[in-house]
């Protein structure tokens, strides 16, 4: 399951994001979205967890919890459509 994580601290690294999810199960990837020109975090990212039940538990447990001093928003990611994939 692909999980959307928003309101991240701009200093949060992908390793810290992954570490927040690993207590709930296997994490296949973690990514923080960065500005193409500056390389600065845009404050959101994605975590991929292969087991849906573990992913749902992580979402329920981590949504509106603090990570690196910020209350994060965690929810299932919307699948890419033809409109959102063209950039």
N, C-alpha and C. Protein backbone atom coordinates (compact mmCIF):
# COMPACT_ATOMS: atom_id res chain seq x y z
N UNK A 1 0.85 -1.18 0.00
CA UNK A 1 0.00 0.00 0.00
C UNK A 1 0.89 1.23 0.00
N UNK A 2 0.54 2.20 -0.80
CA UNK A 2 1.26 3.45 -0.85
C UNK A 2 0.59 4.42 0.13
N UNK A 3 1.39 5.03 0.99
CA UNK A 3 0.89 5.89 2.06
C UNK A 3 1.41 7.31 1.85
N UNK A 4 0.52 8.28 1.92
CA UNK A 4 0.86 9.69 1.80
C UNK A 4 1.11 10.26 3.19
N UNK A 5 2.20 10.98 3.35
CA UNK A 5 2.55 11.59 4.64
C UNK A 5 2.77 13.08 4.41
N UNK A 6 1.96 13.91 5.06
CA UNK A 6 2.03 15.37 4.85
C UNK A 6 2.39 16.08 6.15
N UNK A 7 2.70 17.37 6.00
CA UNK A 7 3.04 18.26 7.11
C UNK A 7 4.35 17.83 7.79
N UNK A 8 5.28 17.27 6.98
CA UNK A 8 6.57 16.87 7.52
C UNK A 8 7.43 18.08 7.84
N UNK A 9 8.26 17.95 8.84
CA UNK A 9 9.29 18.94 9.12
C UNK A 9 10.21 18.97 7.90
N UNK A 10 10.61 20.16 7.46
CA UNK A 10 11.45 20.27 6.28
C UNK A 10 12.83 19.63 6.48
N UNK A 11 13.20 19.36 7.73
CA UNK A 11 14.49 18.74 8.04
C UNK A 11 14.41 17.21 8.15
N UNK A 12 13.20 16.66 8.11
CA UNK A 12 13.03 15.21 8.22
C UNK A 12 13.67 14.53 7.01
N UNK A 13 14.46 13.48 7.30
CA UNK A 13 15.12 12.72 6.24
C UNK A 13 14.34 11.44 5.96
N UNK A 14 14.59 10.87 4.79
CA UNK A 14 13.86 9.66 4.39
C UNK A 14 14.09 8.52 5.38
N UNK A 15 15.27 8.44 5.96
CA UNK A 15 15.58 7.39 6.94
C UNK A 15 14.72 7.54 8.20
N UNK A 16 14.49 8.77 8.61
CA UNK A 16 13.64 9.03 9.78
C UNK A 16 12.18 8.71 9.49
N UNK A 17 11.75 9.01 8.28
CA UNK A 17 10.38 8.70 7.87
C UNK A 17 10.19 7.18 7.85
N UNK A 18 11.13 6.47 7.27
CA UNK A 18 11.06 5.01 7.24
C UNK A 18 11.06 4.42 8.64
N UNK A 19 11.90 4.96 9.52
CA UNK A 19 12.00 4.46 10.89
C UNK A 19 10.69 4.62 11.67
N UNK A 20 9.92 5.65 11.35
CA UNK A 20 8.64 5.86 12.03
C UNK A 20 7.63 4.77 11.68
N UNK A 21 7.77 4.19 10.48
CA UNK A 21 6.80 3.19 10.01
C UNK A 21 7.22 1.75 10.29
N UNK A 22 8.52 1.49 10.46
CA UNK A 22 8.98 0.10 10.62
C UNK A 22 8.44 -0.62 11.86
N UNK A 23 8.09 0.07 12.96
CA UNK A 23 7.50 -0.69 14.07
C UNK A 23 6.17 -1.36 13.71
N UNK A 24 5.55 -0.94 12.62
CA UNK A 24 4.24 -1.49 12.24
C UNK A 24 4.35 -2.57 11.18
N UNK A 25 5.54 -2.75 10.59
CA UNK A 25 5.72 -3.79 9.58
C UNK A 25 6.81 -3.42 8.59
N UNK A 26 6.92 -4.25 7.57
CA UNK A 26 7.95 -4.05 6.54
C UNK A 26 7.66 -2.80 5.72
N UNK A 27 8.73 -2.05 5.45
CA UNK A 27 8.64 -0.86 4.60
C UNK A 27 9.49 -1.14 3.36
N UNK A 28 8.87 -1.08 2.18
CA UNK A 28 9.63 -1.35 0.96
C UNK A 28 10.29 -0.10 0.42
N UNK A 29 9.74 1.09 0.72
CA UNK A 29 10.38 2.34 0.31
C UNK A 29 9.81 3.51 1.09
N UNK A 30 10.63 4.54 1.18
CA UNK A 30 10.22 5.81 1.78
C UNK A 30 10.83 6.92 0.95
N UNK A 31 10.05 7.93 0.66
CA UNK A 31 10.53 9.02 -0.20
C UNK A 31 9.97 10.34 0.30
N UNK A 32 10.84 11.33 0.37
CA UNK A 32 10.41 12.69 0.67
C UNK A 32 10.49 13.48 -0.63
N UNK A 33 9.41 14.15 -0.98
CA UNK A 33 9.36 14.90 -2.23
C UNK A 33 10.12 16.21 -2.05
N UNK A 34 10.98 16.50 -3.02
CA UNK A 34 11.84 17.69 -2.95
C UNK A 34 11.60 18.58 -4.16
N UNK A 35 11.82 19.87 -3.96
CA UNK A 35 11.73 20.85 -5.04
C UNK A 35 12.85 20.56 -6.04
N UNK A 36 12.52 20.51 -7.31
CA UNK A 36 13.51 20.17 -8.34
C UNK A 36 14.62 21.20 -8.45
N UNK A 37 14.31 22.46 -8.23
CA UNK A 37 15.31 23.51 -8.39
C UNK A 37 16.18 23.70 -7.16
N UNK A 38 15.58 23.68 -5.97
CA UNK A 38 16.34 23.97 -4.76
C UNK A 38 16.78 22.73 -4.00
N UNK A 39 16.12 21.61 -4.24
CA UNK A 39 16.41 20.39 -3.50
C UNK A 39 15.81 20.37 -2.10
N UNK A 40 15.10 21.43 -1.73
CA UNK A 40 14.48 21.52 -0.40
C UNK A 40 13.22 20.66 -0.34
N UNK A 41 13.00 20.07 0.81
CA UNK A 41 11.80 19.27 1.03
C UNK A 41 10.55 20.11 0.79
N UNK A 42 9.54 19.48 0.20
CA UNK A 42 8.25 20.16 0.02
C UNK A 42 7.32 19.90 1.21
N UNK A 43 7.80 19.11 2.20
CA UNK A 43 7.01 18.88 3.40
C UNK A 43 6.05 17.71 3.32
N UNK A 44 6.22 16.88 2.29
CA UNK A 44 5.40 15.67 2.22
C UNK A 44 6.19 14.55 1.56
N UNK A 45 5.68 13.35 1.71
CA UNK A 45 6.37 12.20 1.13
C UNK A 45 5.46 11.00 1.05
N UNK A 46 6.07 9.86 0.71
CA UNK A 46 5.32 8.62 0.54
C UNK A 46 6.09 7.47 1.17
N UNK A 47 5.35 6.54 1.74
CA UNK A 47 5.92 5.32 2.29
C UNK A 47 5.16 4.16 1.64
N UNK A 48 5.91 3.16 1.18
CA UNK A 48 5.30 1.98 0.58
C UNK A 48 5.47 0.82 1.54
N UNK A 49 4.33 0.19 1.89
CA UNK A 49 4.34 -1.00 2.75
C UNK A 49 3.63 -2.13 2.01
N UNK A 50 4.30 -3.29 1.85
CA UNK A 50 3.71 -4.38 1.07
C UNK A 50 2.49 -5.04 1.71
N UNK A 51 2.38 -5.01 3.03
CA UNK A 51 1.27 -5.65 3.71
C UNK A 51 0.20 -4.60 4.04
N UNK A 52 -0.97 -4.73 3.43
CA UNK A 52 -2.03 -3.73 3.61
C UNK A 52 -2.51 -3.61 5.05
N UNK A 53 -2.63 -4.71 5.77
CA UNK A 53 -3.12 -4.62 7.15
C UNK A 53 -2.10 -3.91 8.04
N UNK A 54 -0.81 -4.15 7.81
CA UNK A 54 0.22 -3.42 8.56
C UNK A 54 0.21 -1.94 8.19
N UNK A 55 0.00 -1.67 6.91
CA UNK A 55 -0.06 -0.27 6.45
C UNK A 55 -1.24 0.46 7.10
N UNK A 56 -2.38 -0.19 7.16
CA UNK A 56 -3.56 0.44 7.78
C UNK A 56 -3.34 0.68 9.27
N UNK A 57 -2.64 -0.24 9.92
CA UNK A 57 -2.32 -0.05 11.34
C UNK A 57 -1.37 1.14 11.51
N UNK A 58 -0.39 1.26 10.63
CA UNK A 58 0.55 2.38 10.69
C UNK A 58 -0.18 3.71 10.47
N UNK A 59 -1.09 3.73 9.51
CA UNK A 59 -1.86 4.95 9.24
C UNK A 59 -2.67 5.34 10.48
N UNK A 60 -3.38 4.39 11.06
CA UNK A 60 -4.21 4.67 12.24
C UNK A 60 -3.36 5.13 13.42
N UNK A 61 -2.18 4.56 13.56
CA UNK A 61 -1.33 4.88 14.71
C UNK A 61 -0.56 6.19 14.54
N UNK A 62 -0.16 6.51 13.32
CA UNK A 62 0.72 7.67 13.11
C UNK A 62 0.00 8.95 12.69
N UNK A 63 -1.21 8.84 12.18
CA UNK A 63 -1.93 10.05 11.77
C UNK A 63 -2.13 10.99 12.94
N UNK A 64 -1.79 12.25 12.74
CA UNK A 64 -1.90 13.32 13.74
C UNK A 64 -0.97 13.11 14.94
N UNK A 65 0.10 12.33 14.73
CA UNK A 65 1.12 12.16 15.77
C UNK A 65 2.32 13.02 15.43
N UNK A 66 3.17 13.26 16.41
CA UNK A 66 4.32 14.12 16.20
C UNK A 66 5.51 13.35 15.64
N UNK A 67 6.15 13.94 14.64
CA UNK A 67 7.39 13.42 14.07
C UNK A 67 8.30 14.63 13.83
N UNK A 68 9.46 14.63 14.44
CA UNK A 68 10.41 15.74 14.32
C UNK A 68 9.78 17.09 14.65
N UNK A 69 8.93 17.10 15.70
CA UNK A 69 8.37 18.36 16.17
C UNK A 69 7.16 18.86 15.41
N UNK A 70 6.65 18.08 14.45
CA UNK A 70 5.46 18.49 13.69
C UNK A 70 4.41 17.40 13.75
N UNK A 71 3.15 17.81 13.82
CA UNK A 71 2.05 16.84 13.78
C UNK A 71 1.80 16.48 12.33
N UNK A 72 2.02 15.21 11.99
CA UNK A 72 1.92 14.79 10.59
C UNK A 72 0.52 14.27 10.25
N UNK A 73 0.22 14.27 8.97
CA UNK A 73 -1.02 13.71 8.43
C UNK A 73 -0.62 12.47 7.64
N UNK A 74 -1.24 11.34 7.95
CA UNK A 74 -0.92 10.07 7.30
C UNK A 74 -2.21 9.46 6.78
N UNK A 75 -2.24 9.15 5.48
CA UNK A 75 -3.43 8.54 4.89
C UNK A 75 -3.04 7.75 3.64
N UNK A 76 -3.94 6.86 3.18
CA UNK A 76 -3.63 6.13 1.95
C UNK A 76 -3.43 7.13 0.80
N UNK A 77 -2.43 6.86 -0.03
CA UNK A 77 -2.18 7.74 -1.18
C UNK A 77 -3.22 7.50 -2.26
N UNK A 78 -3.60 8.56 -2.94
CA UNK A 78 -4.49 8.43 -4.09
C UNK A 78 -3.68 7.89 -5.25
N UNK A 79 -4.21 6.93 -5.99
CA UNK A 79 -3.46 6.42 -7.14
C UNK A 79 -3.28 7.51 -8.20
N UNK A 80 -2.15 7.44 -8.89
CA UNK A 80 -1.91 8.42 -9.96
C UNK A 80 -2.90 8.18 -11.09
N UNK A 81 -3.40 9.28 -11.63
CA UNK A 81 -4.24 9.20 -12.81
C UNK A 81 -3.47 9.84 -13.96
N UNK A 82 -4.01 9.80 -15.14
CA UNK A 82 -3.36 10.41 -16.28
C UNK A 82 -3.16 11.92 -16.07
N UNK A 83 -4.11 12.55 -15.37
CA UNK A 83 -4.01 13.99 -15.11
C UNK A 83 -2.93 14.32 -14.11
N UNK A 84 -2.82 13.53 -13.02
CA UNK A 84 -1.84 13.84 -11.99
C UNK A 84 -0.45 13.36 -12.33
N UNK A 85 -0.34 12.41 -13.27
CA UNK A 85 0.97 11.86 -13.62
C UNK A 85 1.72 12.72 -14.63
N UNK A 86 1.04 13.66 -15.27
CA UNK A 86 1.72 14.47 -16.29
C UNK A 86 2.32 15.71 -15.68
N UNK A 87 3.63 15.67 -15.48
CA UNK A 87 4.35 16.82 -14.96
C UNK A 87 5.72 16.91 -15.54
